[in-house]
Amino acid sequence: MSDDELIPERLQRILERIECLIVQSGRVNSRVTVRPDVSTIRIFVAIENGANRFEDIQKQIGLSRNILTDQLSTMIDLGILKKKQYSEQPKRFEYFIVPVEEDGTSGQPALVPA
């Protein structure tokens, strides 16, 4: 099984859109390939399967709180996820996959330096 086969189709479409946006930004002059790390794939799959709250995601994939927080923030910055507050005190959020439109586009992600 190749690495690409491990990436869920919905995530692959979002990543392809991010690749296009990077090229369109003019920051690079050649084809760009965006590949997620294993924890990004695991987070995506957990959320896709209904684990939308931080604690549920953490239980499912076993990442430390600080690493999961960083990963979720990066995925939000890239336009892969969005968050919605469900509790005011304490502030708590649910995480959702940004819908991919009919033409394969999602939100306008920020470019995050490596």
PDB file of N, CA and C in Angstrom:
ATOM      1  N   MET A   1       0.846  -1.177   0.000  1.00  0.00           N
ATOM      2  CA  MET A   1       0.000   0.000   0.000  1.00  0.00           C
ATOM      3  C   MET A   1       0.893   1.242   0.000  1.00  0.00           C
ATOM      4  N   SER A   2       0.640   2.157  -0.944  1.00  0.00           N
ATOM      5  CA  SER A   2       1.442   3.375  -1.023  1.00  0.00           C
ATOM      6  C   SER A   2       0.979   4.381   0.023  1.00  0.00           C
ATOM      7  N   ASP A   3       1.822   5.389   0.267  1.00  0.00           N
ATOM      8  CA  ASP A   3       1.471   6.435   1.226  1.00  0.00           C
ATOM      9  C   ASP A   3       0.188   7.145   0.833  1.00  0.00           C
ATOM     10  N   ASP A   4      -0.015   7.374  -0.483  1.00  0.00           N
ATOM     11  CA  ASP A   4      -1.218   8.062  -0.948  1.00  0.00           C
ATOM     12  C   ASP A   4      -2.483   7.272  -0.634  1.00  0.00           C
ATOM     13  N   GLU A   5      -2.393   5.960  -0.593  1.00  0.00           N
ATOM     14  CA  GLU A   5      -3.562   5.139  -0.293  1.00  0.00           C
ATOM     15  C   GLU A   5      -3.990   5.260   1.166  1.00  0.00           C
ATOM     16  N   LEU A   6      -3.095   5.726   2.039  1.00  0.00           N
ATOM     17  CA  LEU A   6      -3.423   5.908   3.446  1.00  0.00           C
ATOM     18  C   LEU A   6      -4.173   7.209   3.709  1.00  0.00           C
ATOM     19  N   ILE A   7      -4.134   8.134   2.757  1.00  0.00           N
ATOM     20  CA  ILE A   7      -4.772   9.439   2.915  1.00  0.00           C
ATOM     21  C   ILE A   7      -6.233   9.322   2.483  1.00  0.00           C
ATOM     22  N   PRO A   8      -7.173   9.639   3.383  1.00  0.00           N
ATOM     23  CA  PRO A   8      -8.591   9.585   2.993  1.00  0.00           C
ATOM     24  C   PRO A   8      -8.859  10.479   1.790  1.00  0.00           C
ATOM     25  N   GLU A   9      -9.770  10.055   0.918  1.00  0.00           N
ATOM     26  CA  GLU A   9     -10.053  10.780  -0.325  1.00  0.00           C
ATOM     27  C   GLU A   9     -10.450  12.232  -0.061  1.00  0.00           C
ATOM     28  N   ARG A  10     -11.268  12.433   0.932  1.00  0.00           N
ATOM     29  CA  ARG A  10     -11.717  13.795   1.248  1.00  0.00           C
ATOM     30  C   ARG A  10     -10.532  14.686   1.649  1.00  0.00           C
ATOM     31  N   LEU A  11      -9.611  14.156   2.447  1.00  0.00           N
ATOM     32  CA  LEU A  11      -8.414  14.905   2.832  1.00  0.00           C
ATOM     33  C   LEU A  11      -7.535  15.152   1.613  1.00  0.00           C
ATOM     34  N   GLN A  12      -7.418  14.167   0.742  1.00  0.00           N
ATOM     35  CA  GLN A  12      -6.600  14.320  -0.458  1.00  0.00           C
ATOM     36  C   GLN A  12      -7.117  15.470  -1.322  1.00  0.00           C
ATOM     37  N   ARG A  13      -8.432  15.601  -1.469  1.00  0.00           N
ATOM     38  CA  ARG A  13      -9.004  16.698  -2.261  1.00  0.00           C
ATOM     39  C   ARG A  13      -8.681  18.055  -1.633  1.00  0.00           C
ATOM     40  N   ILE A  14      -8.749  18.142  -0.314  1.00  0.00           N
ATOM     41  CA  ILE A  14      -8.418  19.395   0.372  1.00  0.00           C
ATOM     42  C   ILE A  14      -6.946  19.729   0.169  1.00  0.00           C
ATOM     43  N   LEU A  15      -6.079  18.721   0.283  1.00  0.00           N
ATOM     44  CA  LEU A  15      -4.638  18.948   0.100  1.00  0.00           C
ATOM     45  C   LEU A  15      -4.316  19.398  -1.321  1.00  0.00           C
ATOM     46  N   GLU A  16      -5.020  18.841  -2.299  1.00  0.00           N
ATOM     47  CA  GLU A  16      -4.809  19.256  -3.684  1.00  0.00           C
ATOM     48  C   GLU A  16      -5.181  20.720  -3.865  1.00  0.00           C
ATOM     49  N   ARG A  17      -6.238  21.152  -3.202  1.00  0.00           N
ATOM     50  CA  ARG A  17      -6.637  22.556  -3.268  1.00  0.00           C
ATOM     51  C   ARG A  17      -5.565  23.441  -2.625  1.00  0.00           C
ATOM     52  N   ILE A  18      -5.027  23.011  -1.510  1.00  0.00           N
ATOM     53  CA  ILE A  18      -3.959  23.771  -0.852  1.00  0.00           C
ATOM     54  C   ILE A  18      -2.750  23.883  -1.775  1.00  0.00           C
ATOM     55  N   GLU A  19      -2.400  22.795  -2.449  1.00  0.00           N
ATOM     56  CA  GLU A  19      -1.284  22.818  -3.396  1.00  0.00           C
ATOM     57  C   GLU A  19      -1.509  23.876  -4.472  1.00  0.00           C
ATOM     58  N   CYS A  20      -2.714  23.921  -5.020  1.00  0.00           N
ATOM     59  CA  CYS A  20      -3.045  24.906  -6.064  1.00  0.00           C
ATOM     60  C   CYS A  20      -2.929  26.326  -5.532  1.00  0.00           C
ATOM     61  N   LEU A  21      -3.416  26.553  -4.327  1.00  0.00           N
ATOM     62  CA  LEU A  21      -3.361  27.890  -3.743  1.00  0.00           C
ATOM     63  C   LEU A  21      -1.925  28.342  -3.487  1.00  0.00           C
ATOM     64  N   ILE A  22      -1.068  27.412  -3.099  1.00  0.00           N
ATOM     65  CA  ILE A  22       0.344  27.749  -2.882  1.00  0.00           C
ATOM     66  C   ILE A  22       0.983  28.187  -4.198  1.00  0.00           C
ATOM     67  N   VAL A  23       0.726  27.430  -5.255  1.00  0.00           N
ATOM     68  CA  VAL A  23       1.289  27.776  -6.565  1.00  0.00           C
ATOM     69  C   VAL A  23       0.723  29.114  -7.039  1.00  0.00           C
ATOM     70  N   GLN A  24      -0.589  29.310  -6.864  1.00  0.00           N
ATOM     71  CA  GLN A  24      -1.231  30.559  -7.292  1.00  0.00           C
ATOM     72  C   GLN A  24      -0.731  31.766  -6.497  1.00  0.00           C
ATOM     73  N   SER A  25      -0.238  31.540  -5.304  1.00  0.00           N
ATOM     74  CA  SER A  25       0.248  32.648  -4.479  1.00  0.00           C
ATOM     75  C   SER A  25       1.496  33.298  -5.065  1.00  0.00           C
ATOM     76  N   GLY A  26       2.185  32.574  -5.961  1.00  0.00           N
ATOM     77  CA  GLY A  26       3.394  33.103  -6.569  1.00  0.00           C
ATOM     78  C   GLY A  26       4.638  32.908  -5.722  1.00  0.00           C
ATOM     79  N   ARG A  27       4.517  32.244  -4.593  1.00  0.00           N
ATOM     80  CA  ARG A  27       5.680  32.028  -3.716  1.00  0.00           C
ATOM     81  C   ARG A  27       6.612  30.950  -4.244  1.00  0.00           C
ATOM     82  N   VAL A  28       6.082  30.107  -5.118  1.00  0.00           N
ATOM     83  CA  VAL A  28       6.908  29.050  -5.701  1.00  0.00           C
ATOM     84  C   VAL A  28       6.695  29.052  -7.210  1.00  0.00           C
ATOM     85  N   ASN A  29       7.684  28.546  -7.935  1.00  0.00           N
ATOM     86  CA  ASN A  29       7.608  28.539  -9.397  1.00  0.00           C
ATOM     87  C   ASN A  29       7.447  27.149  -9.974  1.00  0.00           C
ATOM     88  N   SER A  30       7.228  26.167  -9.131  1.00  0.00           N
ATOM     89  CA  SER A  30       7.092  24.799  -9.630  1.00  0.00           C
ATOM     90  C   SER A  30       5.955  24.088  -8.912  1.00  0.00           C
ATOM     91  N   ARG A  31       5.687  22.878  -9.323  1.00  0.00           N
ATOM     92  CA  ARG A  31       4.630  22.053  -8.729  1.00  0.00           C
ATOM     93  C   ARG A  31       4.942  21.821  -7.260  1.00  0.00           C
ATOM     94  N   VAL A  32       3.912  21.849  -6.434  1.00  0.00           N
ATOM     95  CA  VAL A  32       4.051  21.650  -5.000  1.00  0.00           C
ATOM     96  C   VAL A  32       3.237  20.426  -4.614  1.00  0.00           C
ATOM     97  N   THR A  33       3.797  19.602  -3.741  1.00  0.00           N
ATOM     98  CA  THR A  33       3.067  18.454  -3.216  1.00  0.00           C
ATOM     99  C   THR A  33       2.971  18.614  -1.709  1.00  0.00           C
ATOM    100  N   VAL A  34       1.749  18.544  -1.202  1.00  0.00           N
ATOM    101  CA  VAL A  34       1.525  18.647   0.237  1.00  0.00           C
ATOM    102  C   VAL A  34       1.172  17.261   0.741  1.00  0.00           C
ATOM    103  N   ARG A  35       1.955  16.775   1.685  1.00  0.00           N
ATOM    104  CA  ARG A  35       1.715  15.456   2.257  1.00  0.00           C
ATOM    105  C   ARG A  35       1.548  15.588   3.764  1.00  0.00           C
ATOM    106  N   PRO A  36       0.480  15.047   4.306  1.00  0.00           N
ATOM    107  CA  PRO A  36       0.262  15.130   5.752  1.00  0.00           C
ATOM    108  C   PRO A  36       1.111  14.114   6.499  1.00  0.00           C
ATOM    109  N   ASP A  37       1.415  14.439   7.752  1.00  0.00           N
ATOM    110  CA  ASP A  37       2.093  13.448   8.576  1.00  0.00           C
ATOM    111  C   ASP A  37       1.046  12.486   9.139  1.00  0.00           C
ATOM    112  N   VAL A  38       1.505  11.444   9.784  1.00  0.00           N
ATOM    113  CA  VAL A  38       0.610  10.397  10.285  1.00  0.00           C
ATOM    114  C   VAL A  38      -0.392  10.951  11.290  1.00  0.00           C
ATOM    115  N   SER A  39       0.042  11.846  12.169  1.00  0.00           N
ATOM    116  CA  SER A  39      -0.887  12.360  13.174  1.00  0.00           C
ATOM    117  C   SER A  39      -1.974  13.217  12.533  1.00  0.00           C
ATOM    118  N   THR A  40      -1.668  13.942  11.470  1.00  0.00           N
ATOM    119  CA  THR A  40      -2.688  14.717  10.770  1.00  0.00           C
ATOM    120  C   THR A  40      -3.739  13.789  10.172  1.00  0.00           C
ATOM    121  N   ILE A  41      -3.304  12.708   9.579  1.00  0.00           N
ATOM    122  CA  ILE A  41      -4.243  11.730   9.013  1.00  0.00           C
ATOM    123  C   ILE A  41      -5.110  11.141  10.120  1.00  0.00           C
ATOM    124  N   ARG A  42      -4.499  10.790  11.233  1.00  0.00           N
ATOM    125  CA  ARG A  42      -5.256  10.199  12.343  1.00  0.00           C
ATOM    126  C   ARG A  42      -6.278  11.175  12.917  1.00  0.00           C
ATOM    127  N   ILE A  43      -5.904  12.442  13.051  1.00  0.00           N
ATOM    128  CA  ILE A  43      -6.836  13.464  13.533  1.00  0.00           C
ATOM    129  C   ILE A  43      -7.994  13.608  12.549  1.00  0.00           C
ATOM    130  N   PHE A  44      -7.676  13.699  11.257  1.00  0.00           N
ATOM    131  CA  PHE A  44      -8.700  13.847  10.231  1.00  0.00           C
ATOM    132  C   PHE A  44      -9.691  12.688  10.281  1.00  0.00           C
ATOM    133  N   VAL A  45      -9.177  11.470  10.354  1.00  0.00           N
ATOM    134  CA  VAL A  45     -10.036  10.283  10.389  1.00  0.00           C
ATOM    135  C   VAL A  45     -10.898  10.265  11.658  1.00  0.00           C
ATOM    136  N   ALA A  46     -10.312  10.634  12.794  1.00  0.00           N
ATOM    137  CA  ALA A  46     -11.072  10.675  14.044  1.00  0.00           C
ATOM    138  C   ALA A  46     -12.237  11.650  13.937  1.00  0.00           C
ATOM    139  N   ILE A  47     -11.981  12.843  13.383  1.00  0.00           N
ATOM    140  CA  ILE A  47     -13.039  13.844  13.236  1.00  0.00           C
ATOM    141  C   ILE A  47     -14.062  13.391  12.205  1.00  0.00           C
ATOM    142  N   GLU A  48     -13.594  12.812  11.127  1.00  0.00           N
ATOM    143  CA  GLU A  48     -14.500  12.306  10.094  1.00  0.00           C
ATOM    144  C   GLU A  48     -15.423  11.226  10.660  1.00  0.00           C
ATOM    145  N   ASN A  49     -14.930  10.479  11.641  1.00  0.00           N
ATOM    146  CA  ASN A  49     -15.717   9.408  12.261  1.00  0.00           C
ATOM    147  C   ASN A  49     -16.531   9.879  13.464  1.00  0.00           C
ATOM    148  N   GLY A  50     -16.588  11.202  13.689  1.00  0.00           N
ATOM    149  CA  GLY A  50     -17.481  11.735  14.700  1.00  0.00           C
ATOM    150  C   GLY A  50     -16.867  12.192  16.003  1.00  0.00           C
ATOM    151  N   ALA A  51     -15.559  12.089  16.162  1.00  0.00           N
ATOM    152  CA  ALA A  51     -14.904  12.592  17.376  1.00  0.00           C
ATOM    153  C   ALA A  51     -14.603  14.072  17.157  1.00  0.00           C
ATOM    154  N   ASN A  52     -15.526  14.947  17.555  1.00  0.00           N
ATOM    155  CA  ASN A  52     -15.386  16.367  17.259  1.00  0.00           C
ATOM    156  C   ASN A  52     -14.823  17.181  18.414  1.00  0.00           C
ATOM    157  N   ARG A  53     -14.861  16.642  19.614  1.00  0.00           N
ATOM    158  CA  ARG A  53     -14.368  17.387  20.778  1.00  0.00           C
ATOM    159  C   ARG A  53     -12.939  16.968  21.096  1.00  0.00           C
ATOM    160  N   PHE A  54     -12.182  17.927  21.621  1.00  0.00           N
ATOM    161  CA  PHE A  54     -10.758  17.723  21.901  1.00  0.00           C
ATOM    162  C   PHE A  54     -10.512  16.424  22.677  1.00  0.00           C
ATOM    163  N   GLU A  55     -11.249  16.245  23.753  1.00  0.00           N
ATOM    164  CA  GLU A  55     -11.033  15.068  24.604  1.00  0.00           C
ATOM    165  C   GLU A  55     -11.295  13.765  23.850  1.00  0.00           C
ATOM    166  N   ASP A  56     -12.319  13.771  23.000  1.00  0.00           N
ATOM    167  CA  ASP A  56     -12.636  12.570  22.223  1.00  0.00           C
ATOM    168  C   ASP A  56     -11.556  12.274  21.192  1.00  0.00           C
ATOM    169  N   ILE A  57     -11.062  13.324  20.549  1.00  0.00           N
ATOM    170  CA  ILE A  57      -9.983  13.145  19.570  1.00  0.00           C
ATOM    171  C   ILE A  57      -8.743  12.613  20.276  1.00  0.00           C
ATOM    172  N   GLN A  58      -8.416  13.217  21.418  1.00  0.00           N
ATOM    173  CA  GLN A  58      -7.229  12.805  22.160  1.00  0.00           C
ATOM    174  C   GLN A  58      -7.327  11.346  22.601  1.00  0.00           C
ATOM    175  N   LYS A  59      -8.479  10.936  23.102  1.00  0.00           N
ATOM    176  CA  LYS A  59      -8.670   9.534  23.517  1.00  0.00           C
ATOM    177  C   LYS A  59      -8.490   8.586  22.351  1.00  0.00           C
ATOM    178  N   GLN A  60      -9.026   8.978  21.186  1.00  0.00           N
ATOM    179  CA  GLN A  60      -8.968   8.092  20.029  1.00  0.00           C
ATOM    180  C   GLN A  60      -7.565   7.914  19.477  1.00  0.00           C
ATOM    181  N   ILE A  61      -6.765   8.991  19.479  1.00  0.00           N
ATOM    182  CA  ILE A  61      -5.457   8.870  18.830  1.00  0.00           C
ATOM    183  C   ILE A  61      -4.271   8.909  19.784  1.00  0.00           C
ATOM    184  N   GLY A  62      -4.490   9.323  21.034  1.00  0.00           N
ATOM    185  CA  GLY A  62      -3.448   9.225  22.044  1.00  0.00           C
ATOM    186  C   GLY A  62      -2.314  10.234  21.966  1.00  0.00           C
ATOM    187  N   LEU A  63      -2.523  11.364  21.300  1.00  0.00           N
ATOM    188  CA  LEU A  63      -1.481  12.397  21.267  1.00  0.00           C
ATOM    189  C   LEU A  63      -1.511  13.202  22.559  1.00  0.00           C
ATOM    190  N   SER A  64      -0.370  13.770  22.938  1.00  0.00           N
ATOM    191  CA  SER A  64      -0.340  14.647  24.109  1.00  0.00           C
ATOM    192  C   SER A  64      -1.163  15.901  23.810  1.00  0.00           C
ATOM    193  N   ARG A  65      -1.625  16.568  24.856  1.00  0.00           N
ATOM    194  CA  ARG A  65      -2.479  17.750  24.699  1.00  0.00           C
ATOM    195  C   ARG A  65      -1.795  18.845  23.888  1.00  0.00           C
ATOM    196  N   ASN A  66      -0.515  19.113  24.189  1.00  0.00           N
ATOM    197  CA  ASN A  66       0.165  20.207  23.488  1.00  0.00           C
ATOM    198  C   ASN A  66       0.385  19.901  22.008  1.00  0.00           C
ATOM    199  N   ILE A  67       0.712  18.675  21.678  1.00  0.00           N
ATOM    200  CA  ILE A  67       0.911  18.306  20.268  1.00  0.00           C
ATOM    201  C   ILE A  67      -0.423  18.333  19.528  1.00  0.00           C
ATOM    202  N   LEU A  68      -1.473  17.807  20.149  1.00  0.00           N
ATOM    203  CA  LEU A  68      -2.793  17.827  19.518  1.00  0.00           C
ATOM    204  C   LEU A  68      -3.263  19.268  19.303  1.00  0.00           C
ATOM    205  N   THR A  69      -3.045  20.127  20.288  1.00  0.00           N
ATOM    206  CA  THR A  69      -3.419  21.535  20.160  1.00  0.00           C
ATOM    207  C   THR A  69      -2.704  22.174  18.974  1.00  0.00           C
ATOM    208  N   ASP A  70      -1.399  21.929  18.852  1.00  0.00           N
ATOM    209  CA  ASP A  70      -0.623  22.483  17.734  1.00  0.00           C
ATOM    210  C   ASP A  70      -1.123  21.940  16.392  1.00  0.00           C
ATOM    211  N   GLN A  71      -1.381  20.651  16.333  1.00  0.00           N
ATOM    212  CA  GLN A  71      -1.846  20.027  15.090  1.00  0.00           C
ATOM    213  C   GLN A  71      -3.209  20.588  14.673  1.00  0.00           C
ATOM    214  N   LEU A  72      -4.126  20.709  15.626  1.00  0.00           N
ATOM    215  CA  LEU A  72      -5.454  21.252  15.319  1.00  0.00           C
ATOM    216  C   LEU A  72      -5.337  22.689  14.822  1.00  0.00           C
ATOM    217  N   SER A  73      -4.497  23.487  15.470  1.00  0.00           N
ATOM    218  CA  SER A  73      -4.304  24.886  15.050  1.00  0.00           C
ATOM    219  C   SER A  73      -3.763  24.966  13.625  1.00  0.00           C
ATOM    220  N   THR A  74      -2.797  24.134  13.307  1.00  0.00           N
ATOM    221  CA  THR A  74      -2.234  24.116  11.959  1.00  0.00           C
ATOM    222  C   THR A  74      -3.287  23.697  10.940  1.00  0.00           C
ATOM    223  N   MET A  75      -4.083  22.678  11.273  1.00  0.00           N
ATOM    224  CA  MET A  75      -5.113  22.213  10.349  1.00  0.00           C
ATOM    225  C   MET A  75      -6.185  23.289  10.135  1.00  0.00           C
ATOM    226  N   ILE A  76      -6.458  24.086  11.160  1.00  0.00           N
ATOM    227  CA  ILE A  76      -7.394  25.208  11.017  1.00  0.00           C
ATOM    228  C   ILE A  76      -6.776  26.279  10.125  1.00  0.00           C
ATOM    229  N   ASP A  77      -5.505  26.624  10.369  1.00  0.00           N
ATOM    230  CA  ASP A  77      -4.809  27.631   9.568  1.00  0.00           C
ATOM    231  C   ASP A  77      -4.754  27.252   8.088  1.00  0.00           C
ATOM    232  N   LEU A  78      -4.628  25.967   7.811  1.00  0.00           N
ATOM    233  CA  LEU A  78      -4.551  25.486   6.430  1.00  0.00           C
ATOM    234  C   LEU A  78      -5.916  25.386   5.756  1.00  0.00           C
ATOM    235  N   GLY A  79      -6.985  25.558   6.521  1.00  0.00           N
ATOM    236  CA  GLY A  79      -8.323  25.459   5.940  1.00  0.00           C
ATOM    237  C   GLY A  79      -8.855  24.052   5.864  1.00  0.00           C
ATOM    238  N   ILE A  80      -8.229  23.123   6.578  1.00  0.00           N
ATOM    239  CA  ILE A  80      -8.694  21.733   6.607  1.00  0.00           C
ATOM    240  C   ILE A  80      -9.827  21.588   7.613  1.00  0.00           C
ATOM    241  N   LEU A  81      -9.694  22.260   8.758  1.00  0.00           N
ATOM    242  CA  LEU A  81     -10.688  22.185   9.824  1.00  0.00           C
ATOM    243  C   LEU A  81     -11.213  23.577  10.159  1.00  0.00           C
ATOM    244  N   LYS A  82     -12.376  23.593  10.792  1.00  0.00           N
ATOM    245  CA  LYS A  82     -12.901  24.804  11.419  1.00  0.00           C
ATOM    246  C   LYS A  82     -13.305  24.404  12.826  1.00  0.00           C
ATOM    247  N   LYS A  83     -13.390  25.385  13.722  1.00  0.00           N
ATOM    248  CA  LYS A  83     -13.806  25.070  15.076  1.00  0.00           C
ATOM    249  C   LYS A  83     -15.012  25.909  15.451  1.00  0.00           C
ATOM    250  N   LYS A  84     -15.838  25.338  16.324  1.00  0.00           N
ATOM    251  CA  LYS A  84     -17.049  26.007  16.783  1.00  0.00           C
ATOM    252  C   LYS A  84     -17.110  25.862  18.294  1.00  0.00           C
ATOM    253  N   GLN A  85     -17.278  26.981  18.970  1.00  0.00           N
ATOM    254  CA  GLN A  85     -17.338  26.958  20.430  1.00  0.00           C
ATOM    255  C   GLN A  85     -18.656  26.343  20.882  1.00  0.00           C
ATOM    256  N   TYR A  86     -18.579  25.401  21.839  1.00  0.00           N
ATOM    257  CA  TYR A  86     -19.795  24.801  22.379  1.00  0.00           C
ATOM    258  C   TYR A  86     -19.965  25.060  23.871  1.00  0.00           C
ATOM    259  N   SER A  87     -18.947  25.617  24.518  1.00  0.00           N
ATOM    260  CA  SER A  87     -19.031  25.931  25.941  1.00  0.00           C
ATOM    261  C   SER A  87     -18.329  27.256  26.204  1.00  0.00           C
ATOM    262  N   GLU A  88     -19.001  28.112  26.968  1.00  0.00           N
ATOM    263  CA  GLU A  88     -18.435  29.427  27.283  1.00  0.00           C
ATOM    264  C   GLU A  88     -17.493  29.352  28.476  1.00  0.00           C
ATOM    265  N   GLN A  89     -17.879  28.601  29.514  1.00  0.00           N
ATOM    266  CA  GLN A  89     -17.072  28.528  30.737  1.00  0.00           C
ATOM    267  C   GLN A  89     -16.928  27.079  31.171  1.00  0.00           C
ATOM    268  N   PRO A  90     -15.820  26.439  30.980  1.00  0.00           N
ATOM    269  CA  PRO A  90     -14.621  26.928  30.282  1.00  0.00           C
ATOM    270  C   PRO A  90     -14.841  26.912  28.766  1.00  0.00           C
ATOM    271  N   LYS A  91     -14.043  27.710  28.061  1.00  0.00           N
ATOM    272  CA  LYS A  91     -14.148  27.742  26.597  1.00  0.00           C
ATOM    273  C   LYS A  91     -13.742  26.382  26.045  1.00  0.00           C
ATOM    274  N   ARG A  92     -14.667  25.807  25.294  1.00  0.00           N
ATOM    275  CA  ARG A  92     -14.410  24.513  24.660  1.00  0.00           C
ATOM    276  C   ARG A  92     -14.936  24.559  23.234  1.00  0.00           C
ATOM    277  N   PHE A  93     -14.266  23.789  22.360  1.00  0.00           N
ATOM    278  CA  PHE A  93     -14.600  23.838  20.944  1.00  0.00           C
ATOM    279  C   PHE A  93     -14.823  22.438  20.385  1.00  0.00           C
ATOM    280  N   GLU A  94     -15.622  22.396  19.325  1.00  0.00           N
ATOM    281  CA  GLU A  94     -15.757  21.201  18.509  1.00  0.00           C
ATOM    282  C   GLU A  94     -15.049  21.502  17.191  1.00  0.00           C
ATOM    283  N   TYR A  95     -14.501  20.477  16.582  1.00  0.00           N
ATOM    284  CA  TYR A  95     -13.744  20.620  15.342  1.00  0.00           C
ATOM    285  C   TYR A  95     -14.464  19.887  14.224  1.00  0.00           C
ATOM    286  N   PHE A  96     -14.518  20.536  13.073  1.00  0.00           N
ATOM    287  CA  PHE A  96     -15.222  19.988  11.914  1.00  0.00           C
ATOM    288  C   PHE A  96     -14.358  20.133  10.674  1.00  0.00           C
ATOM    289  N   ILE A  97     -14.516  19.209   9.752  1.00  0.00           N
ATOM    290  CA  ILE A  97     -13.804  19.265   8.481  1.00  0.00           C
ATOM    291  C   ILE A  97     -14.484  20.315   7.610  1.00  0.00           C
ATOM    292  N   VAL A  98     -13.683  21.186   7.003  1.00  0.00           N
ATOM    293  CA  VAL A  98     -14.224  22.198   6.105  1.00  0.00           C
ATOM    294  C   VAL A  98     -14.795  21.472   4.891  1.00  0.00           C
ATOM    295  N   PRO A  99     -16.059  21.745   4.565  1.00  0.00           N
ATOM    296  CA  PRO A  99     -16.663  21.047   3.421  1.00  0.00           C
ATOM    297  C   PRO A  99     -15.918  21.351   2.121  1.00  0.00           C
ATOM    298  N   VAL A 100     -15.747  20.337   1.310  1.00  0.00           N
ATOM    299  CA  VAL A 100     -15.145  20.497  -0.008  1.00  0.00           C
ATOM    300  C   VAL A 100     -16.307  20.695  -0.976  1.00  0.00           C
ATOM    301  N   GLU A 101     -16.268  21.802  -1.698  1.00  0.00           N
ATOM    302  CA  GLU A 101     -17.351  22.137  -2.622  1.00  0.00           C
ATOM    303  C   GLU A 101     -17.324  21.216  -3.830  1.00  0.00           C
ATOM    304  N   GLU A 102     -18.354  21.319  -4.635  1.00  0.00           N
ATOM    305  CA  GLU A 102     -18.493  20.492  -5.836  1.00  0.00           C
ATOM    306  C   GLU A 102     -17.257  20.553  -6.737  1.00  0.00           C
ATOM    307  N   ASP A 103     -16.639  21.732  -6.828  1.00  0.00           N
ATOM    308  CA  ASP A 103     -15.486  21.875  -7.719  1.00  0.00           C
ATOM    309  C   ASP A 103     -14.177  21.467  -7.070  1.00  0.00           C
ATOM    310  N   GLY A 104     -14.269  20.929  -5.831  1.00  0.00           N
ATOM    311  CA  GLY A 104     -13.073  20.435  -5.170  1.00  0.00           C
ATOM    312  C   GLY A 104     -12.356  21.490  -4.354  1.00  0.00           C
ATOM    313  N   THR A 105     -12.973  22.646  -4.135  1.00  0.00           N
ATOM    314  CA  THR A 105     -12.304  23.689  -3.375  1.00  0.00           C
ATOM    315  C   THR A 105     -12.803  23.693  -1.941  1.00  0.00           C
ATOM    316  N   SER A 106     -11.985  24.162  -1.073  1.00  0.00           N
ATOM    317  CA  SER A 106     -12.406  24.396   0.314  1.00  0.00           C
ATOM    318  C   SER A 106     -12.090  25.856   0.603  1.00  0.00           C
ATOM    319  N   GLY A 107     -11.912  26.204   1.840  1.00  0.00           N
ATOM    320  CA  GLY A 107     -11.612  27.589   2.192  1.00  0.00           C
ATOM    321  C   GLY A 107     -10.276  28.042   1.656  1.00  0.00           C
ATOM    322  N   GLN A 108      -9.954  29.297   1.863  1.00  0.00           N
ATOM    323  CA  GLN A 108      -8.679  29.854   1.437  1.00  0.00           C
ATOM    324  C   GLN A 108      -7.684  29.664   2.578  1.00  0.00           C
ATOM    325  N   PRO A 109      -6.849  28.648   2.521  1.00  0.00           N
ATOM    326  CA  PRO A 109      -5.940  28.403   3.632  1.00  0.00           C
ATOM    327  C   PRO A 109      -4.792  29.399   3.690  1.00  0.00           C
ATOM    328  N   ALA A 110      -4.321  29.627   4.878  1.00  0.00           N
ATOM    329  CA  ALA A 110      -3.119  30.430   5.070  1.00  0.00           C
ATOM    330  C   ALA A 110      -1.913  29.582   4.709  1.00  0.00           C
ATOM    331  N   LEU A 111      -0.852  30.214   4.252  1.00  0.00           N
ATOM    332  CA  LEU A 111       0.389  29.487   3.991  1.00  0.00           C
ATOM    333  C   LEU A 111       1.170  29.426   5.289  1.00  0.00           C
ATOM    334  N   VAL A 112       1.438  28.229   5.738  1.00  0.00           N
ATOM    335  CA  VAL A 112       2.143  28.030   6.996  1.00  0.00           C
ATOM    336  C   VAL A 112       3.567  27.592   6.685  1.00  0.00           C
ATOM    337  N   PRO A 113       4.560  28.340   7.152  1.00  0.00           N
ATOM    338  CA  PRO A 113       5.942  27.952   6.866  1.00  0.00           C
ATOM    339  C   PRO A 113       6.297  26.625   7.533  1.00  0.00           C
ATOM    340  N   ALA A 114       7.167  25.888   6.897  1.00  0.00           N
ATOM    341  CA  ALA A 114       7.572  24.579   7.411  1.00  0.00           C
ATOM    342  C   ALA A 114       8.469  24.728   8.605  1.00  0.00           C
TER     343      ALA A 114
END
